[in-house]
Structure formats: C-alpha cells, structure tokens
C-alpha atoms as a PDB file:
ATOM      1  CA  UNK A   1    -121.385 -80.858  24.568  1.00  0.00           C
ATOM      2  CA  UNK A   2    -123.171 -84.179  25.048  1.00  0.00           C
ATOM      3  CA  UNK A   3    -125.641 -85.643  22.635  1.00  0.00           C
ATOM      4  CA  UNK A   4    -128.665 -84.622  24.616  1.00  0.00           C
ATOM      5  CA  UNK A   5    -127.407 -80.942  24.828  1.00  0.00           C
ATOM      6  CA  UNK A   6    -126.669 -80.939  21.101  1.00  0.00           C
ATOM      7  CA  UNK A   7    -130.005 -82.166  20.168  1.00  0.00           C
ATOM      8  CA  UNK A   8    -131.690 -79.555  22.353  1.00  0.00           C
ATOM      9  CA  UNK A   9    -129.529 -76.736  20.701  1.00  0.00           C
ATOM     10  CA  UNK A  10    -130.433 -78.010  17.345  1.00  0.00           C
ATOM     11  CA  UNK A  11    -134.080 -77.821  18.154  1.00  0.00           C
ATOM     12  CA  UNK A  12    -133.680 -74.310  19.462  1.00  0.00           C
ATOM     13  CA  UNK A  13    -131.919 -73.314  16.361  1.00  0.00           C
ATOM     14  CA  UNK A  14    -134.516 -74.897  13.951  1.00  0.00           C
ATOM     15  CA  UNK A  15    -137.360 -73.215  15.841  1.00  0.00           C
ATOM     16  CA  UNK A  16    -135.586 -69.798  15.829  1.00  0.00           C
ATOM     17  CA  UNK A  17    -134.690 -70.064  12.018  1.00  0.00           C
ATOM     18  CA  UNK A  18    -138.249 -71.169  11.135  1.00  0.00           C
ATOM     19  CA  UNK A  19    -139.698 -68.273  13.095  1.00  0.00           C
ATOM     20  CA  UNK A  20    -137.323 -65.858  11.458  1.00  0.00           C
ATOM     21  CA  UNK A  21    -138.212 -66.995   8.105  1.00  0.00           C
ATOM     22  CA  UNK A  22    -141.975 -66.706   8.770  1.00  0.00           C
ATOM     23  CA  UNK A  23    -141.523 -63.218  10.333  1.00  0.00           C
ATOM     24  CA  UNK A  24    -139.537 -61.955   7.185  1.00  0.00           C
ATOM     25  CA  UNK A  25    -142.088 -63.422   4.751  1.00  0.00           C
ATOM     26  CA  UNK A  26    -145.307 -62.242   6.431  1.00  0.00           C
ATOM     27  CA  UNK A  27    -144.437 -59.778   9.228  1.00  0.00           C
ATOM     28  CA  UNK A  28    -144.194 -60.242  13.005  1.00  0.00           C
ATOM     29  CA  UNK A  29    -147.843 -59.574  13.689  1.00  0.00           C
ATOM     30  CA  UNK A  30    -149.166 -62.069  11.087  1.00  0.00           C
ATOM     31  CA  UNK A  31    -147.256 -65.010  12.482  1.00  0.00           C
ATOM     32  CA  UNK A  32    -148.457 -66.991  15.458  1.00  0.00           C
ATOM     33  CA  UNK A  33    -146.494 -69.378  17.639  1.00  0.00           C
ATOM     34  CA  UNK A  34    -148.744 -72.230  16.585  1.00  0.00           C
ATOM     35  CA  UNK A  35    -147.649 -71.609  12.952  1.00  0.00           C
ATOM     36  CA  UNK A  36    -143.947 -71.569  13.881  1.00  0.00           C
ATOM     37  CA  UNK A  37    -144.448 -74.800  15.778  1.00  0.00           C
ATOM     38  CA  UNK A  38    -146.193 -76.349  12.624  1.00  0.00           C
ATOM     39  CA  UNK A  39    -143.571 -75.181  10.305  1.00  0.00           C
ATOM     40  CA  UNK A  40    -140.877 -76.456  12.625  1.00  0.00           C
ATOM     41  CA  UNK A  41    -142.560 -79.715  13.025  1.00  0.00           C
ATOM     42  CA  UNK A  42    -142.603 -79.546  16.877  1.00  0.00           C
ATOM     43  CA  UNK A  43    -145.334 -79.104  19.503  1.00  0.00           C
ATOM     44  CA  UNK A  44    -146.282 -75.694  20.447  1.00  0.00           C
ATOM     45  CA  UNK A  45    -145.232 -76.548  24.025  1.00  0.00           C
ATOM     46  CA  UNK A  46    -141.835 -77.256  22.723  1.00  0.00           C
ATOM     47  CA  UNK A  47    -141.560 -73.748  21.330  1.00  0.00           C
ATOM     48  CA  UNK A  48    -142.388 -72.293  24.752  1.00  0.00           C
ATOM     49  CA  UNK A  49    -139.802 -74.564  26.338  1.00  0.00           C
ATOM     50  CA  UNK A  50    -137.246 -72.626  24.523  1.00  0.00           C
ATOM     51  CA  UNK A  51    -138.825 -69.257  23.937  1.00  0.00           C
ATOM     52  CA  UNK A  52    -140.985 -67.538  26.662  1.00  0.00           C
ATOM     53  CA  UNK A  53    -142.752 -65.436  24.091  1.00  0.00           C
ATOM     54  CA  UNK A  54    -143.208 -64.481  20.345  1.00  0.00           C
ATOM     55  CA  UNK A  55    -140.938 -61.493  21.003  1.00  0.00           C
ATOM     56  CA  UNK A  56    -138.214 -63.861  22.463  1.00  0.00           C
ATOM     57  CA  UNK A  57    -138.496 -65.669  19.133  1.00  0.00           C
ATOM     58  CA  UNK A  58    -137.914 -62.581  17.055  1.00  0.00           C
ATOM     59  CA  UNK A  59    -135.002 -61.423  18.991  1.00  0.00           C
ATOM     60  CA  UNK A  60    -133.236 -64.850  19.281  1.00  0.00           C
ATOM     61  CA  UNK A  61    -130.548 -63.504  17.022  1.00  0.00           C
ATOM     62  CA  UNK A  62    -129.936 -60.564  19.169  1.00  0.00           C
ATOM     63  CA  UNK A  63    -129.590 -62.785  22.163  1.00  0.00           C
ATOM     64  CA  UNK A  64    -127.169 -65.040  20.238  1.00  0.00           C
ATOM     65  CA  UNK A  65    -125.187 -61.926  19.272  1.00  0.00           C
ATOM     66  CA  UNK A  66    -124.964 -60.971  22.878  1.00  0.00           C
ATOM     67  CA  UNK A  67    -123.559 -64.341  23.968  1.00  0.00           C
ATOM     68  CA  UNK A  68    -121.051 -64.377  21.008  1.00  0.00           C
ATOM     69  CA  UNK A  69    -120.012 -60.842  21.928  1.00  0.00           C
ATOM     70  CA  UNK A  70    -119.419 -61.521  25.676  1.00  0.00           C
ATOM     71  CA  UNK A  71    -117.510 -64.722  24.838  1.00  0.00           C
ATOM     72  CA  UNK A  72    -115.272 -62.998  22.269  1.00  0.00           C
ATOM     73  CA  UNK A  73    -114.359 -60.274  24.598  1.00  0.00           C
ATOM     74  CA  UNK A  74    -113.818 -62.933  27.309  1.00  0.00           C
ATOM     75  CA  UNK A  75    -111.296 -64.668  24.919  1.00  0.00           C
ATOM     76  CA  UNK A  76    -109.391 -61.618  23.822  1.00  0.00           C
ATOM     77  CA  UNK A  77    -105.646 -61.866  23.919  1.00  0.00           C
ATOM     78  CA  UNK A  78    -103.651 -60.570  26.908  1.00  0.00           C
ATOM     79  CA  UNK A  79    -103.000 -56.917  26.559  1.00  0.00           C
ATOM     80  CA  UNK A  80    -105.945 -56.301  24.241  1.00  0.00           C
ATOM     81  CA  UNK A  81    -108.481 -53.675  25.522  1.00  0.00           C
ATOM     82  CA  UNK A  82    -112.173 -54.322  25.801  1.00  0.00           C
ATOM     83  CA  UNK A  83    -112.797 -51.459  23.254  1.00  0.00           C
ATOM     84  CA  UNK A  84    -110.603 -53.009  20.659  1.00  0.00           C
ATOM     85  CA  UNK A  85    -112.065 -56.271  21.092  1.00  0.00           C
ATOM     86  CA  UNK A  86    -115.610 -54.953  20.984  1.00  0.00           C
ATOM     87  CA  UNK A  87    -114.832 -53.029  17.739  1.00  0.00           C
ATOM     88  CA  UNK A  88    -113.191 -56.032  16.144  1.00  0.00           C
ATOM     89  CA  UNK A  89    -116.134 -58.304  16.954  1.00  0.00           C
ATOM     90  CA  UNK A  90    -118.482 -55.876  15.468  1.00  0.00           C
ATOM     91  CA  UNK A  91    -116.559 -55.531  12.229  1.00  0.00           C
ATOM     92  CA  UNK A  92    -116.319 -59.427  11.898  1.00  0.00           C
ATOM     93  CA  UNK A  93    -120.050 -60.147  12.933  1.00  0.00           C
ATOM     94  CA  UNK A  94    -121.302 -58.922   9.575  1.00  0.00           C
ATOM     95  CA  UNK A  95    -125.226 -59.033   9.725  1.00  0.00           C
ATOM     96  CA  UNK A  96    -128.030 -58.263   7.481  1.00  0.00           C
ATOM     97  CA  UNK A  97    -126.574 -54.831   6.474  1.00  0.00           C
ATOM     98  CA  UNK A  98    -123.394 -56.579   5.242  1.00  0.00           C
ATOM     99  CA  UNK A  99    -125.563 -59.153   3.281  1.00  0.00           C
ATOM    100  CA  UNK A 100    -127.627 -56.511   1.929  1.00  0.00           C
ATOM    101  CA  UNK A 101    -124.653 -54.325   0.756  1.00  0.00           C
ATOM    102  CA  UNK A 102    -123.906 -56.985  -1.880  1.00  0.00           C
ATOM    103  CA  UNK A 103    -127.198 -56.366  -3.584  1.00  0.00           C
ATOM    104  CA  UNK A 104    -128.783 -59.705  -2.704  1.00  0.00           C
ATOM    105  CA  UNK A 105    -132.652 -59.047  -3.126  1.00  0.00           C
ATOM    106  CA  UNK A 106    -133.553 -61.409  -0.401  1.00  0.00           C
ATOM    107  CA  UNK A 107    -131.158 -59.822   2.074  1.00  0.00           C
ATOM    108  CA  UNK A 108    -132.406 -56.291   1.213  1.00  0.00           C
ATOM    109  CA  UNK A 109    -136.015 -57.442   1.717  1.00  0.00           C
ATOM    110  CA  UNK A 110    -135.133 -59.102   5.016  1.00  0.00           C
ATOM    111  CA  UNK A 111    -133.471 -55.979   6.172  1.00  0.00           C
ATOM    112  CA  UNK A 112    -136.337 -53.743   5.296  1.00  0.00           C
ATOM    113  CA  UNK A 113    -139.052 -56.161   6.676  1.00  0.00           C
ATOM    114  CA  UNK A 114    -137.192 -56.635  10.004  1.00  0.00           C
ATOM    115  CA  UNK A 115    -136.846 -52.815  10.539  1.00  0.00           C
ATOM    116  CA  UNK A 116    -140.397 -52.150   9.555  1.00  0.00           C
ATOM    117  CA  UNK A 117    -141.669 -54.588  12.054  1.00  0.00           C
ATOM    118  CA  UNK A 118    -139.550 -53.285  14.829  1.00  0.00           C
ATOM    119  CA  UNK A 119    -140.211 -49.589  14.279  1.00  0.00           C
ATOM    120  CA  UNK A 120    -144.051 -50.293  14.200  1.00  0.00           C
ATOM    121  CA  UNK A 121    -144.274 -52.467  17.231  1.00  0.00           C
ATOM    122  CA  UNK A 122    -143.997 -50.963  20.821  1.00  0.00           C
ATOM    123  CA  UNK A 123    -143.708 -54.531  22.057  1.00  0.00           C
ATOM    124  CA  UNK A 124    -140.682 -55.390  19.966  1.00  0.00           C
ATOM    125  CA  UNK A 125    -139.063 -52.111  20.681  1.00  0.00           C
ATOM    126  CA  UNK A 126    -139.416 -52.722  24.381  1.00  0.00           C
ATOM    127  CA  UNK A 127    -138.159 -56.291  23.996  1.00  0.00           C
ATOM    128  CA  UNK A 128    -135.252 -54.984  22.117  1.00  0.00           C
ATOM    129  CA  UNK A 129    -134.273 -52.600  24.926  1.00  0.00           C
ATOM    130  CA  UNK A 130    -134.603 -55.491  27.470  1.00  0.00           C
ATOM    131  CA  UNK A 131    -132.318 -57.680  25.365  1.00  0.00           C
ATOM    132  CA  UNK A 132    -129.632 -54.991  25.154  1.00  0.00           C
ATOM    133  CA  UNK A 133    -129.884 -54.207  28.737  1.00  0.00           C
ATOM    134  CA  UNK A 134    -129.032 -57.791  29.385  1.00  0.00           C
ATOM    135  CA  UNK A 135    -126.102 -57.714  26.945  1.00  0.00           C
ATOM    136  CA  UNK A 136    -124.900 -54.582  28.852  1.00  0.00           C
ATOM    137  CA  UNK A 137    -125.203 -56.429  32.197  1.00  0.00           C
ATOM    138  CA  UNK A 138    -123.387 -59.476  31.023  1.00  0.00           C
ATOM    139  CA  UNK A 139    -120.607 -57.379  29.624  1.00  0.00           C
ATOM    140  CA  UNK A 140    -120.419 -55.270  32.890  1.00  0.00           C
ATOM    141  CA  UNK A 141    -120.260 -58.539  34.964  1.00  0.00           C
ATOM    142  CA  UNK A 142    -117.401 -59.842  32.891  1.00  0.00           C
ATOM    143  CA  UNK A 143    -115.418 -56.531  33.291  1.00  0.00           C
ATOM    144  CA  UNK A 144    -116.006 -56.395  36.908  1.00  0.00           C
ATOM    145  CA  UNK A 145    -114.675 -59.979  37.346  1.00  0.00           C
ATOM    146  CA  UNK A 146    -111.591 -59.167  35.130  1.00  0.00           C
ATOM    147  CA  UNK A 147    -110.740 -56.030  36.781  1.00  0.00           C
ATOM    148  CA  UNK A 148    -111.509 -57.037  40.400  1.00  0.00           C
ATOM    149  CA  UNK A 149    -113.961 -54.124  40.796  1.00  0.00           C
ATOM    150  CA  UNK A 150    -115.103 -53.849  44.390  1.00  0.00           C
ATOM    151  CA  UNK A 151    -118.767 -54.052  45.109  1.00  0.00           C
ATOM    152  CA  UNK A 152    -120.476 -50.806  44.301  1.00  0.00           C
ATOM    153  CA  UNK A 153    -118.029 -49.792  41.659  1.00  0.00           C
ATOM    154  CA  UNK A 154    -120.001 -48.510  38.526  1.00  0.00           C
ATOM    155  CA  UNK A 155    -117.089 -48.344  36.338  1.00  0.00           C
ATOM    156  CA  UNK A 156    -117.714 -51.694  34.631  1.00  0.00           C
ATOM    157  CA  UNK A 157    -121.330 -50.844  34.124  1.00  0.00           C
ATOM    158  CA  UNK A 158    -120.426 -47.349  32.678  1.00  0.00           C
ATOM    159  CA  UNK A 159    -117.878 -48.950  30.256  1.00  0.00           C
ATOM    160  CA  UNK A 160    -120.343 -51.654  29.257  1.00  0.00           C
ATOM    161  CA  UNK A 161    -123.175 -48.940  28.648  1.00  0.00           C
ATOM    162  CA  UNK A 162    -120.735 -46.854  26.633  1.00  0.00           C
ATOM    163  CA  UNK A 163    -119.887 -49.663  24.279  1.00  0.00           C
ATOM    164  CA  UNK A 164    -123.383 -50.830  23.757  1.00  0.00           C
ATOM    165  CA  UNK A 165    -124.585 -47.092  23.578  1.00  0.00           C
ATOM    166  CA  UNK A 166    -122.429 -46.685  20.558  1.00  0.00           C
ATOM    167  CA  UNK A 167    -123.686 -49.992  18.994  1.00  0.00           C
ATOM    168  CA  UNK A 168    -127.418 -48.923  19.700  1.00  0.00           C
ATOM    169  CA  UNK A 169    -126.662 -45.472  18.116  1.00  0.00           C
ATOM    170  CA  UNK A 170    -125.296 -47.173  15.009  1.00  0.00           C
ATOM    171  CA  UNK A 171    -128.327 -49.577  14.786  1.00  0.00           C
ATOM    172  CA  UNK A 172    -130.865 -46.615  15.165  1.00  0.00           C
ATOM    173  CA  UNK A 173    -129.060 -44.723  12.431  1.00  0.00           C
ATOM    174  CA  UNK A 174    -129.247 -47.711  10.107  1.00  0.00           C
ATOM    175  CA  UNK A 175    -132.893 -48.311  10.872  1.00  0.00           C
ATOM    176  CA  UNK A 176    -133.909 -44.605  10.094  1.00  0.00           C
ATOM    177  CA  UNK A 177    -132.084 -44.684   6.657  1.00  0.00           C
ATOM    178  CA  UNK A 178    -133.315 -48.170   5.697  1.00  0.00           C
ATOM    179  CA  UNK A 179    -136.728 -47.132   6.339  1.00  0.00           C
ATOM    180  CA  UNK A 180    -136.373 -44.000   4.231  1.00  0.00           C
ATOM    181  CA  UNK A 181    -135.492 -46.299   1.347  1.00  0.00           C
ATOM    182  CA  UNK A 182    -131.860 -45.286   1.119  1.00  0.00           C
ATOM    183  CA  UNK A 183    -129.489 -47.157  -1.279  1.00  0.00           C
ATOM    184  CA  UNK A 184    -127.664 -49.658   0.792  1.00  0.00           C
ATOM    185  CA  UNK A 185    -124.104 -49.576  -0.572  1.00  0.00           C
ATOM    186  CA  UNK A 186    -123.891 -45.963   0.185  1.00  0.00           C
ATOM    187  CA  UNK A 187    -125.547 -46.418   3.571  1.00  0.00           C
ATOM    188  CA  UNK A 188    -122.876 -49.176   4.457  1.00  0.00           C
ATOM    189  CA  UNK A 189    -120.109 -46.704   3.506  1.00  0.00           C
ATOM    190  CA  UNK A 190    -121.508 -44.177   5.793  1.00  0.00           C
ATOM    191  CA  UNK A 191    -121.830 -46.539   8.668  1.00  0.00           C
ATOM    192  CA  UNK A 192    -118.257 -47.518   8.299  1.00  0.00           C
ATOM    193  CA  UNK A 193    -117.300 -43.779   8.620  1.00  0.00           C
ATOM    194  CA  UNK A 194    -119.549 -43.158  11.677  1.00  0.00           C
ATOM    195  CA  UNK A 195    -118.559 -46.333  13.393  1.00  0.00           C
ATOM    196  CA  UNK A 196    -114.838 -45.154  13.023  1.00  0.00           C
ATOM    197  CA  UNK A 197    -115.726 -41.787  14.600  1.00  0.00           C
ATOM    198  CA  UNK A 198    -117.739 -43.262  17.338  1.00  0.00           C
ATOM    199  CA  UNK A 199    -115.197 -45.585  18.473  1.00  0.00           C
ATOM    200  CA  UNK A 200    -112.534 -42.757  18.205  1.00  0.00           C
ATOM    201  CA  UNK A 201    -114.719 -40.762  20.655  1.00  0.00           C
ATOM    202  CA  UNK A 202    -114.895 -43.821  23.098  1.00  0.00           C
ATOM    203  CA  UNK A 203    -110.999 -44.176  22.802  1.00  0.00           C
ATOM    204  CA  UNK A 204    -110.178 -40.685  23.615  1.00  0.00           C
ATOM    205  CA  UNK A 205    -112.820 -39.985  26.009  1.00  0.00           C
ATOM    206  CA  UNK A 206    -115.374 -37.172  26.115  1.00  0.00           C
ATOM    207  CA  UNK A 207    -112.725 -34.786  27.274  1.00  0.00           C
ATOM    208  CA  UNK A 208    -113.342 -31.572  25.236  1.00  0.00           C
ATOM    209  CA  UNK A 209    -116.270 -33.014  23.362  1.00  0.00           C
ATOM    210  CA  UNK A 210    -119.264 -30.845  23.753  1.00  0.00           C
ATOM    211  CA  UNK A 211    -117.516 -27.752  24.951  1.00  0.00           C
ATOM    212  CA  UNK A 212    -119.868 -24.820  24.542  1.00  0.00           C
ATOM    213  CA  UNK A 213    -118.685 -22.322  21.887  1.00  0.00           C
ATOM    214  CA  UNK A 214    -118.479 -18.715  22.540  1.00  0.00           C
ATOM    215  CA  UNK A 215    -121.191 -16.246  21.055  1.00  0.00           C
ATOM    216  CA  UNK A 216    -124.875 -16.929  20.350  1.00  0.00           C
ATOM    217  CA  UNK A 217    -126.159 -20.539  20.406  1.00  0.00           C
ATOM    218  CA  UNK A 218    -128.494 -22.082  17.998  1.00  0.00           C
ATOM    219  CA  UNK A 219    -131.943 -22.915  19.391  1.00  0.00           C
ATOM    220  CA  UNK A 220    -132.405 -26.565  20.562  1.00  0.00           C
ATOM    221  CA  UNK A 221    -134.628 -28.599  18.065  1.00  0.00           C
ATOM    222  CA  UNK A 222    -136.585 -30.829  20.453  1.00  0.00           C
ATOM    223  CA  UNK A 223    -137.458 -34.252  19.056  1.00  0.00           C
ATOM    224  CA  UNK A 224    -141.203 -34.797  18.789  1.00  0.00           C
ATOM    225  CA  UNK A 225    -141.948 -31.141  19.239  1.00  0.00           C
ATOM    226  CA  UNK A 226    -144.474 -29.664  16.935  1.00  0.00           C
ATOM    227  CA  UNK A 227    -143.686 -26.999  14.299  1.00  0.00           C
END
C-alpha cells in the first residue's frame, strides 16, 4: 500500500471510529454527520467521500467484517472446507459480545446501546440486511470462482446464504437476549452451544431435519399474531 492509500485508509478509519464512539455515547438518531466531521476534524464533504450515508457509517464495522471474512476464506489452506474456515473465522473474530463477556462495563454498555439502536430503527435494520446480502454475494462469487461453477449454477449462492444465514440467526438470538437484559456470561455460553449445533447442522445437511413426527401436531404459533 502506497503512502497516499495509507493516508486515505487512516482517514477512513478515523471517521468510522469517531462515528462509532458518538453513536454509542448518544445513540444513532442523536448524532449528525456534521458532528462526526467536527469530532474527527475533517470536512463534512470528506465524510461523504468515504461513507455515502450515516447508516453506512454505523455499519462500517460490519462491512469491514465482511471483507475480512471473505479474505480469510480465500486464504484458507488447501484441503480446508469453506464451512471449517467460516466457523474458525467467527470463533477468532471476537466482537462486542466477547468483550462484554469479560464484564467490562464499557463493552456491556456498547453492546446494549448498539442493539437498542438497531432494533429501534427501520433504516438501520434495512441497511443491515443490505450489508449482509453484499457479504453473501461476495462469498458466493469467491466460491463460484474456486469451484469453477458454470453460469447459472446457484450452488455457490446457496452455500453462501446458508453460512451467512447461520450467522444472522446467531446475531438475532444475541440481540433478543441482550435487549431483554440477560446476564452476558451466561448468554455467551449459550451462544457457543447454539453455534456448535448450527454448524453441525450445516456440516451434515438438512437430511432428516424437520421430518414430521407421527400423531397429532402442535398448532403453529405465528410470529406477530395476536392472542
């Protein structure tokens, strides 16, 4: 990386870190792009040179996560499956839950604040879906290139969606329990157990999963249905 590119990356990181700190301290809706620019000591136009919207600023870490994930899978050792590389990356990536598990009050506050902001903002939820879809597409493109999939073959996309679907399910589970005020060490232990089960399902395939049992079935509880 040349000096010019290095400086640009440093500026981008400064803006992203500044925005993240302000979002955690005051909440997403109470922070403006102008305030981020002022705190980072750059022009507002400079912020928009790197991030098209405030939502992009909020999800800069998710975008970076996606880039690191794809790079890690591309660099996996010969003979290693994409599933094994994906799981290993998630285990090593850590994140706010790992930080909060130690009992660090600031990490706990950041985790709860971030999830409150996301769950309460349709714009952030929509942007999260877009970011996740882009990661899925990047991963699918990598798998298609590695496997030599012919045009029209949806197998790489199915595999990428399955991997990221497991990741999304885990994140949603964490979000629900964090917002319910659960104790984080216990939550982290449960997440480890559920992650192991989720990847075991992916490894062995759906196969017999969901086979309808004989006899009467329980009524379906529809999400969002009134009582």
